[in-house]
C-alpha atoms as a PDB file:
ATOM      1  CA  MET A   1       0.425 -13.074  -0.597  1.00  0.00           C
ATOM      2  CA  ALA A   2      -0.658 -15.327   2.250  1.00  0.00           C
ATOM      3  CA  ARG A   3       1.776 -16.786   4.375  1.00  0.00           C
ATOM      4  CA  ASP A   4       2.420 -20.374   5.000  1.00  0.00           C
ATOM      5  CA  SER A   5       1.745 -21.054   8.627  1.00  0.00           C
ATOM      6  CA  GLU A   6       4.528 -23.640   9.194  1.00  0.00           C
ATOM      7  CA  ARG A   7       6.669 -21.192   8.034  1.00  0.00           C
ATOM      8  CA  GLU A   8       9.223 -18.732   9.575  1.00  0.00           C
ATOM      9  CA  PRO A   9       7.985 -15.490   9.661  1.00  0.00           C
ATOM     10  CA  VAL A  10       9.392 -12.170   7.229  1.00  0.00           C
ATOM     11  CA  THR A  11      12.338 -10.975   8.667  1.00  0.00           C
ATOM     12  CA  ASP A  12      13.716  -7.389   8.437  1.00  0.00           C
ATOM     13  CA  ASP A  13      16.871  -8.795   6.108  1.00  0.00           C
ATOM     14  CA  ASP A  14      14.076 -10.474   4.258  1.00  0.00           C
ATOM     15  CA  LEU A  15      11.983  -6.881   3.384  1.00  0.00           C
ATOM     16  CA  ARG A  16      15.266  -5.495   2.912  1.00  0.00           C
ATOM     17  CA  ALA A  17      16.391  -7.905   0.464  1.00  0.00           C
ATOM     18  CA  LEU A  18      12.660  -7.581  -1.602  1.00  0.00           C
ATOM     19  CA  ARG A  19      13.195  -3.683  -1.440  1.00  0.00           C
ATOM     20  CA  GLU A  20      16.190  -4.006  -3.188  1.00  0.00           C
ATOM     21  CA  CYS A  21      15.075  -6.796  -5.516  1.00  0.00           C
ATOM     22  CA  MET A  22      12.099  -4.245  -6.209  1.00  0.00           C
ATOM     23  CA  ALA A  23      14.173  -1.409  -6.731  1.00  0.00           C
ATOM     24  CA  ASP A  24      16.419  -3.111  -9.452  1.00  0.00           C
ATOM     25  CA  GLN A  25      13.253  -4.510 -11.096  1.00  0.00           C
ATOM     26  CA  ARG A  26      12.290  -0.870 -11.004  1.00  0.00           C
ATOM     27  CA  GLU A  27      15.203   0.973 -12.591  1.00  0.00           C
ATOM     28  CA  ALA A  28      15.088  -2.014 -15.367  1.00  0.00           C
ATOM     29  CA  ILE A  29      11.887  -1.198 -16.403  1.00  0.00           C
ATOM     30  CA  ARG A  30      12.106   2.499 -16.187  1.00  0.00           C
ATOM     31  CA  ALA A  31      14.986   1.997 -18.575  1.00  0.00           C
ATOM     32  CA  ARG A  32      13.410  -0.213 -21.066  1.00  0.00           C
ATOM     33  CA  LEU A  33      10.116   1.785 -20.934  1.00  0.00           C
ATOM     34  CA  ALA A  34      12.379   5.102 -21.974  1.00  0.00           C
ATOM     35  CA  GLU A  35      14.451   2.933 -24.984  1.00  0.00           C
ATOM     36  CA  GLU A  36      11.016   2.017 -26.118  1.00  0.00           C
ATOM     37  CA  LEU A  37       8.961   5.342 -25.755  1.00  0.00           C
ATOM     38  CA  ASP A  38      12.138   7.751 -26.357  1.00  0.00           C
ATOM     39  CA  GLY A  39      12.275   9.283 -23.545  1.00  0.00           C
ATOM     40  CA  SER A  40      14.654   8.842 -20.218  1.00  0.00           C
ATOM     41  CA  PRO A  41      14.455   6.570 -17.365  1.00  0.00           C
ATOM     42  CA  GLU A  42      13.140   9.657 -15.267  1.00  0.00           C
ATOM     43  CA  ASP A  43      10.123  10.023 -17.740  1.00  0.00           C
ATOM     44  CA  PHE A  44       8.778   7.115 -15.711  1.00  0.00           C
ATOM     45  CA  SER A  45       9.100   7.469 -12.069  1.00  0.00           C
ATOM     46  CA  ALA A  46       6.321   6.540 -10.148  1.00  0.00           C
ATOM     47  CA  GLU A  47       7.660   8.905  -7.582  1.00  0.00           C
ATOM     48  CA  ARG A  48       7.640  11.807  -9.487  1.00  0.00           C
ATOM     49  CA  TYR A  49       4.204  11.146 -11.010  1.00  0.00           C
ATOM     50  CA  PHE A  50       2.460  11.169  -7.985  1.00  0.00           C
ATOM     51  CA  GLN A  51       4.112  13.793  -6.273  1.00  0.00           C
ATOM     52  CA  ALA A  52       3.602  16.366  -8.903  1.00  0.00           C
ATOM     53  CA  ARG A  53      -0.032  15.438  -8.865  1.00  0.00           C
ATOM     54  CA  THR A  54      -0.435  15.575  -4.906  1.00  0.00           C
ATOM     55  CA  ASP A  55       1.401  19.249  -4.535  1.00  0.00           C
ATOM     56  CA  GLY A  56       2.054  20.805  -7.566  1.00  0.00           C
ATOM     57  CA  GLY A  57       5.741  19.295  -7.053  1.00  0.00           C
ATOM     58  CA  GLU A  58       8.112  19.170 -10.238  1.00  0.00           C
ATOM     59  CA  GLY A  59       7.368  17.495 -13.298  1.00  0.00           C
ATOM     60  CA  HIS A  60       3.850  18.658 -12.970  1.00  0.00           C
ATOM     61  CA  ASP A  61       3.035  18.258 -16.313  1.00  0.00           C
ATOM     62  CA  ARG A  62      -0.685  19.006 -16.563  1.00  0.00           C
ATOM     63  CA  GLU A  63      -2.131  22.646 -17.543  1.00  0.00           C
ATOM     64  CA  GLU A  64      -3.775  24.302 -14.866  1.00  0.00           C
ATOM     65  CA  THR A  65      -7.657  25.562 -16.406  1.00  0.00           C
ATOM     66  CA  ASP A  66     -10.375  26.882 -14.805  1.00  0.00           C
ATOM     67  CA  SER A  67     -12.472  23.942 -15.297  1.00  0.00           C
ATOM     68  CA  PRO A  68     -12.607  20.808 -12.632  1.00  0.00           C
END
């Protein structure tokens, strides 16, 4: 997002407020997905999804095969 050069710079408080807002939205979206797709909010955690694919961590649900 481009910033207007006449505006004040973004402060740490601005960033903190944005992160809180994003976290609230993330929770609401996960809850809605769980409701509509018959799962739990944890089933739609992007953090768990990517963690599972980067290091084979918890939540890794892809079957391992010998093929690439």
